[in-house]
Amino acid sequence: MNKKLSLLFAFGSVLLLCAAGAALSYRQAWLALLFIVLYIGFVGFGFVLKSKRNKQKQGEEH
């Protein structure tokens, strides 16, 4: 995965966790839960994308 895309996923993940923390501070548990689920999906998508790109890169080398 290139550096710009990795940086995007890193900042996006941090922002989602900060949003979950802010929602908890305002006692909005349902909103915090939503942000945590979005965070898990966002990080999972990043891992899937990284895996696909690595497989694609390995296929080009052989």
PDB file of N, CA and C in Angstrom:
ATOM      1  N   MET A   1       0.861  -1.167   0.000  1.00  0.00           N
ATOM      2  CA  MET A   1       0.000   0.000   0.000  1.00  0.00           C
ATOM      3  C   MET A   1       0.909   1.232   0.000  1.00  0.00           C
ATOM      4  N   ASN A   2       0.552   2.207  -0.808  1.00  0.00           N
ATOM      5  CA  ASN A   2       1.402   3.388  -0.854  1.00  0.00           C
ATOM      6  C   ASN A   2       1.231   4.247   0.401  1.00  0.00           C
ATOM      7  N   LYS A   3       2.147   5.166   0.579  1.00  0.00           N
ATOM      8  CA  LYS A   3       2.186   5.928   1.832  1.00  0.00           C
ATOM      9  C   LYS A   3       0.990   6.861   2.002  1.00  0.00           C
ATOM     10  N   LYS A   4       0.515   7.436   0.925  1.00  0.00           N
ATOM     11  CA  LYS A   4      -0.633   8.338   1.035  1.00  0.00           C
ATOM     12  C   LYS A   4      -1.883   7.589   1.479  1.00  0.00           C
ATOM     13  N   LEU A   5      -2.078   6.409   0.939  1.00  0.00           N
ATOM     14  CA  LEU A   5      -3.237   5.612   1.316  1.00  0.00           C
ATOM     15  C   LEU A   5      -3.119   5.126   2.756  1.00  0.00           C
ATOM     16  N   SER A   6      -1.926   4.745   3.153  1.00  0.00           N
ATOM     17  CA  SER A   6      -1.707   4.327   4.542  1.00  0.00           C
ATOM     18  C   SER A   6      -1.972   5.480   5.503  1.00  0.00           C
ATOM     19  N   LEU A   7      -1.536   6.667   5.117  1.00  0.00           N
ATOM     20  CA  LEU A   7      -1.765   7.848   5.952  1.00  0.00           C
ATOM     21  C   LEU A   7      -3.258   8.158   6.054  1.00  0.00           C
ATOM     22  N   LEU A   8      -3.972   7.991   4.955  1.00  0.00           N
ATOM     23  CA  LEU A   8      -5.421   8.203   4.960  1.00  0.00           C
ATOM     24  C   LEU A   8      -6.108   7.251   5.933  1.00  0.00           C
ATOM     25  N   PHE A   9      -5.727   5.974   5.893  1.00  0.00           N
ATOM     26  CA  PHE A   9      -6.333   5.003   6.792  1.00  0.00           C
ATOM     27  C   PHE A   9      -5.944   5.287   8.241  1.00  0.00           C
ATOM     28  N   ALA A  10      -4.727   5.721   8.480  1.00  0.00           N
ATOM     29  CA  ALA A  10      -4.307   6.026   9.845  1.00  0.00           C
ATOM     30  C   ALA A  10      -5.096   7.214  10.405  1.00  0.00           C
ATOM     31  N   PHE A  11      -5.181   8.299   9.647  1.00  0.00           N
ATOM     32  CA  PHE A  11      -5.920   9.464  10.110  1.00  0.00           C
ATOM     33  C   PHE A  11      -7.416   9.178  10.242  1.00  0.00           C
ATOM     34  N   GLY A  12      -7.957   8.430   9.293  1.00  0.00           N
ATOM     35  CA  GLY A  12      -9.375   8.075   9.366  1.00  0.00           C
ATOM     36  C   GLY A  12      -9.694   7.263  10.600  1.00  0.00           C
ATOM     37  N   SER A  13      -8.814   6.328  10.925  1.00  0.00           N
ATOM     38  CA  SER A  13      -9.018   5.492  12.113  1.00  0.00           C
ATOM     39  C   SER A  13      -8.958   6.322  13.384  1.00  0.00           C
ATOM     40  N   VAL A  14      -7.981   7.211  13.451  1.00  0.00           N
ATOM     41  CA  VAL A  14      -7.853   8.068  14.638  1.00  0.00           C
ATOM     42  C   VAL A  14      -9.069   8.980  14.776  1.00  0.00           C
ATOM     43  N   LEU A  15      -9.532   9.531  13.669  1.00  0.00           N
ATOM     44  CA  LEU A  15     -10.706  10.407  13.726  1.00  0.00           C
ATOM     45  C   LEU A  15     -11.958   9.655  14.184  1.00  0.00           C
ATOM     46  N   LEU A  16     -12.125   8.425  13.718  1.00  0.00           N
ATOM     47  CA  LEU A  16     -13.288   7.644  14.148  1.00  0.00           C
ATOM     48  C   LEU A  16     -13.218   7.321  15.635  1.00  0.00           C
ATOM     49  N   LEU A  17     -12.018   7.000  16.134  1.00  0.00           N
ATOM     50  CA  LEU A  17     -11.894   6.733  17.569  1.00  0.00           C
ATOM     51  C   LEU A  17     -12.097   8.005  18.395  1.00  0.00           C
ATOM     52  N   CYS A  18     -11.629   9.133  17.897  1.00  0.00           N
ATOM     53  CA  CYS A  18     -11.872  10.402  18.597  1.00  0.00           C
ATOM     54  C   CYS A  18     -13.359  10.735  18.614  1.00  0.00           C
ATOM     55  N   ALA A  19     -14.022  10.462  17.510  1.00  0.00           N
ATOM     56  CA  ALA A  19     -15.468  10.701  17.448  1.00  0.00           C
ATOM     57  C   ALA A  19     -16.200   9.801  18.439  1.00  0.00           C
ATOM     58  N   ALA A  20     -15.752   8.563  18.568  1.00  0.00           N
ATOM     59  CA  ALA A  20     -16.374   7.657  19.544  1.00  0.00           C
ATOM     60  C   ALA A  20     -16.147   8.183  20.957  1.00  0.00           C
ATOM     61  N   GLY A  21     -14.957   8.660  21.241  1.00  0.00           N
ATOM     62  CA  GLY A  21     -14.671   9.227  22.561  1.00  0.00           C
ATOM     63  C   GLY A  21     -15.511  10.460  22.841  1.00  0.00           C
ATOM     64  N   ALA A  22     -15.674  11.316  21.835  1.00  0.00           N
ATOM     65  CA  ALA A  22     -16.497  12.514  22.001  1.00  0.00           C
ATOM     66  C   ALA A  22     -17.954  12.138  22.244  1.00  0.00           C
ATOM     67  N   ALA A  23     -18.428  11.139  21.515  1.00  0.00           N
ATOM     68  CA  ALA A  23     -19.805  10.694  21.716  1.00  0.00           C
ATOM     69  C   ALA A  23     -19.999  10.144  23.126  1.00  0.00           C
ATOM     70  N   LEU A  24     -19.016   9.423  23.629  1.00  0.00           N
ATOM     71  CA  LEU A  24     -19.110   8.913  25.000  1.00  0.00           C
ATOM     72  C   LEU A  24     -19.106  10.053  26.015  1.00  0.00           C
ATOM     73  N   SER A  25     -18.322  11.083  25.742  1.00  0.00           N
ATOM     74  CA  SER A  25     -18.274  12.200  26.690  1.00  0.00           C
ATOM     75  C   SER A  25     -19.605  12.951  26.740  1.00  0.00           C
ATOM     76  N   TYR A  26     -20.363  12.909  25.639  1.00  0.00           N
ATOM     77  CA  TYR A  26     -21.689  13.522  25.616  1.00  0.00           C
ATOM     78  C   TYR A  26     -22.784  12.527  25.996  1.00  0.00           C
ATOM     79  N   ARG A  27     -22.379  11.354  26.484  1.00  0.00           N
ATOM     80  CA  ARG A  27     -23.278  10.294  26.934  1.00  0.00           C
ATOM     81  C   ARG A  27     -24.221   9.826  25.824  1.00  0.00           C
ATOM     82  N   GLN A  28     -23.673   9.710  24.640  1.00  0.00           N
ATOM     83  CA  GLN A  28     -24.414   9.191  23.491  1.00  0.00           C
ATOM     84  C   GLN A  28     -23.833   7.825  23.128  1.00  0.00           C
ATOM     85  N   ALA A  29     -24.219   6.808  23.895  1.00  0.00           N
ATOM     86  CA  ALA A  29     -23.639   5.474  23.736  1.00  0.00           C
ATOM     87  C   ALA A  29     -23.931   4.885  22.360  1.00  0.00           C
ATOM     88  N   TRP A  30     -25.106   5.114  21.835  1.00  0.00           N
ATOM     89  CA  TRP A  30     -25.453   4.558  20.530  1.00  0.00           C
ATOM     90  C   TRP A  30     -24.583   5.163  19.438  1.00  0.00           C
ATOM     91  N   LEU A  31     -24.281   6.445  19.554  1.00  0.00           N
ATOM     92  CA  LEU A  31     -23.425   7.097  18.566  1.00  0.00           C
ATOM     93  C   LEU A  31     -21.985   6.608  18.699  1.00  0.00           C
ATOM     94  N   ALA A  32     -21.539   6.422  19.930  1.00  0.00           N
ATOM     95  CA  ALA A  32     -20.198   5.887  20.158  1.00  0.00           C
ATOM     96  C   ALA A  32     -20.082   4.482  19.582  1.00  0.00           C
ATOM     97  N   LEU A  33     -21.111   3.682  19.785  1.00  0.00           N
ATOM     98  CA  LEU A  33     -21.112   2.322  19.238  1.00  0.00           C
ATOM     99  C   LEU A  33     -21.067   2.349  17.710  1.00  0.00           C
ATOM    100  N   LEU A  34     -21.794   3.276  17.117  1.00  0.00           N
ATOM    101  CA  LEU A  34     -21.773   3.425  15.665  1.00  0.00           C
ATOM    102  C   LEU A  34     -20.367   3.755  15.170  1.00  0.00           C
ATOM    103  N   PHE A  35     -19.701   4.699  15.830  1.00  0.00           N
ATOM    104  CA  PHE A  35     -18.343   5.075  15.424  1.00  0.00           C
ATOM    105  C   PHE A  35     -17.358   3.930  15.629  1.00  0.00           C
ATOM    106  N   ILE A  36     -17.541   3.138  16.660  1.00  0.00           N
ATOM    107  CA  ILE A  36     -16.652   1.995  16.890  1.00  0.00           C
ATOM    108  C   ILE A  36     -16.855   0.933  15.808  1.00  0.00           C
ATOM    109  N   VAL A  37     -18.105   0.702  15.431  1.00  0.00           N
ATOM    110  CA  VAL A  37     -18.374  -0.259  14.354  1.00  0.00           C
ATOM    111  C   VAL A  37     -17.792   0.256  13.032  1.00  0.00           C
ATOM    112  N   LEU A  38     -17.943   1.545  12.772  1.00  0.00           N
ATOM    113  CA  LEU A  38     -17.344   2.133  11.571  1.00  0.00           C
ATOM    114  C   LEU A  38     -15.827   2.021  11.595  1.00  0.00           C
ATOM    115  N   TYR A  39     -15.227   2.214  12.765  1.00  0.00           N
ATOM    116  CA  TYR A  39     -13.780   2.079  12.910  1.00  0.00           C
ATOM    117  C   TYR A  39     -13.328   0.660  12.566  1.00  0.00           C
ATOM    118  N   ILE A  40     -14.022  -0.325  13.105  1.00  0.00           N
ATOM    119  CA  ILE A  40     -13.658  -1.723  12.848  1.00  0.00           C
ATOM    120  C   ILE A  40     -13.788  -2.027  11.346  1.00  0.00           C
ATOM    121  N   GLY A  41     -14.851  -1.546  10.730  1.00  0.00           N
ATOM    122  CA  GLY A  41     -15.030  -1.753   9.295  1.00  0.00           C
ATOM    123  C   GLY A  41     -13.968  -1.046   8.474  1.00  0.00           C
ATOM    124  N   PHE A  42     -13.609   0.162   8.875  1.00  0.00           N
ATOM    125  CA  PHE A  42     -12.604   0.959   8.160  1.00  0.00           C
ATOM    126  C   PHE A  42     -11.236   0.294   8.240  1.00  0.00           C
ATOM    127  N   VAL A  43     -10.855  -0.155   9.423  1.00  0.00           N
ATOM    128  CA  VAL A  43      -9.571  -0.830   9.594  1.00  0.00           C
ATOM    129  C   VAL A  43      -9.575  -2.167   8.847  1.00  0.00           C
ATOM    130  N   GLY A  44     -10.669  -2.896   8.938  1.00  0.00           N
ATOM    131  CA  GLY A  44     -10.780  -4.162   8.213  1.00  0.00           C
ATOM    132  C   GLY A  44     -10.658  -3.968   6.714  1.00  0.00           C
ATOM    133  N   PHE A  45     -11.300  -2.935   6.191  1.00  0.00           N
ATOM    134  CA  PHE A  45     -11.203  -2.642   4.764  1.00  0.00           C
ATOM    135  C   PHE A  45      -9.761  -2.302   4.385  1.00  0.00           C
ATOM    136  N   GLY A  46      -9.071  -1.595   5.269  1.00  0.00           N
ATOM    137  CA  GLY A  46      -7.663  -1.277   5.013  1.00  0.00           C
ATOM    138  C   GLY A  46      -6.805  -2.524   4.921  1.00  0.00           C
ATOM    139  N   PHE A  47      -7.033  -3.486   5.811  1.00  0.00           N
ATOM    140  CA  PHE A  47      -6.276  -4.740   5.774  1.00  0.00           C
ATOM    141  C   PHE A  47      -6.588  -5.536   4.509  1.00  0.00           C
ATOM    142  N   VAL A  48      -7.856  -5.571   4.120  1.00  0.00           N
ATOM    143  CA  VAL A  48      -8.240  -6.289   2.909  1.00  0.00           C
ATOM    144  C   VAL A  48      -7.587  -5.642   1.685  1.00  0.00           C
ATOM    145  N   LEU A  49      -7.629  -4.329   1.622  1.00  0.00           N
ATOM    146  CA  LEU A  49      -7.030  -3.612   0.503  1.00  0.00           C
ATOM    147  C   LEU A  49      -5.524  -3.850   0.445  1.00  0.00           C
ATOM    148  N   LYS A  50      -4.870  -3.825   1.600  1.00  0.00           N
ATOM    149  CA  LYS A  50      -3.434  -4.073   1.645  1.00  0.00           C
ATOM    150  C   LYS A  50      -3.110  -5.484   1.168  1.00  0.00           C
ATOM    151  N   SER A  51      -3.891  -6.448   1.583  1.00  0.00           N
ATOM    152  CA  SER A  51      -3.677  -7.833   1.177  1.00  0.00           C
ATOM    153  C   SER A  51      -3.848  -7.993  -0.334  1.00  0.00           C
ATOM    154  N   LYS A  52      -4.894  -7.392  -0.890  1.00  0.00           N
ATOM    155  CA  LYS A  52      -5.126  -7.489  -2.327  1.00  0.00           C
ATOM    156  C   LYS A  52      -3.999  -6.836  -3.109  1.00  0.00           C
ATOM    157  N   ARG A  53      -3.531  -5.690  -2.643  1.00  0.00           N
ATOM    158  CA  ARG A  53      -2.437  -5.010  -3.340  1.00  0.00           C
ATOM    159  C   ARG A  53      -1.144  -5.801  -3.256  1.00  0.00           C
ATOM    160  N   ASN A  54      -0.886  -6.437  -2.113  1.00  0.00           N
ATOM    161  CA  ASN A  54       0.321  -7.254  -1.988  1.00  0.00           C
ATOM    162  C   ASN A  54       0.254  -8.469  -2.902  1.00  0.00           C
ATOM    163  N   LYS A  55      -0.908  -9.111  -2.990  1.00  0.00           N
ATOM    164  CA  LYS A  55      -1.075 -10.267  -3.882  1.00  0.00           C
ATOM    165  C   LYS A  55      -0.907  -9.845  -5.331  1.00  0.00           C
ATOM    166  N   GLN A  56      -1.454  -8.678  -5.673  1.00  0.00           N
ATOM    167  CA  GLN A  56      -1.345  -8.166  -7.030  1.00  0.00           C
ATOM    168  C   GLN A  56       0.115  -7.857  -7.362  1.00  0.00           C
ATOM    169  N   LYS A  57       0.815  -7.295  -6.409  1.00  0.00           N
ATOM    170  CA  LYS A  57       2.226  -6.964  -6.611  1.00  0.00           C
ATOM    171  C   LYS A  57       3.067  -8.225  -6.773  1.00  0.00           C
ATOM    172  N   GLN A  58       2.787  -9.254  -5.987  1.00  0.00           N
ATOM    173  CA  GLN A  58       3.513 -10.513  -6.092  1.00  0.00           C
ATOM    174  C   GLN A  58       3.236 -11.196  -7.414  1.00  0.00           C
ATOM    175  N   GLY A  59       2.022 -11.069  -7.929  1.00  0.00           N
ATOM    176  CA  GLY A  59       1.675 -11.656  -9.214  1.00  0.00           C
ATOM    177  C   GLY A  59       2.435 -11.003 -10.366  1.00  0.00           C
ATOM    178  N   GLU A  60       2.703  -9.724 -10.245  1.00  0.00           N
ATOM    179  CA  GLU A  60       3.444  -9.006 -11.280  1.00  0.00           C
ATOM    180  C   GLU A  60       4.913  -9.385 -11.276  1.00  0.00           C
ATOM    181  N   GLU A  61       5.454  -9.768 -10.108  1.00  0.00           N
ATOM    182  CA  GLU A  61       6.865 -10.096 -10.002  1.00  0.00           C
ATOM    183  C   GLU A  61       7.176 -11.453 -10.607  1.00  0.00           C
ATOM    184  N   HIS A  62       6.213 -12.386 -10.573  1.00  0.00           N
ATOM    185  CA  HIS A  62       6.478 -13.740 -11.080  1.00  0.00           C
ATOM    186  C   HIS A  62       6.193 -13.872 -12.518  1.00  0.00           C
TER     187      HIS A  62
END
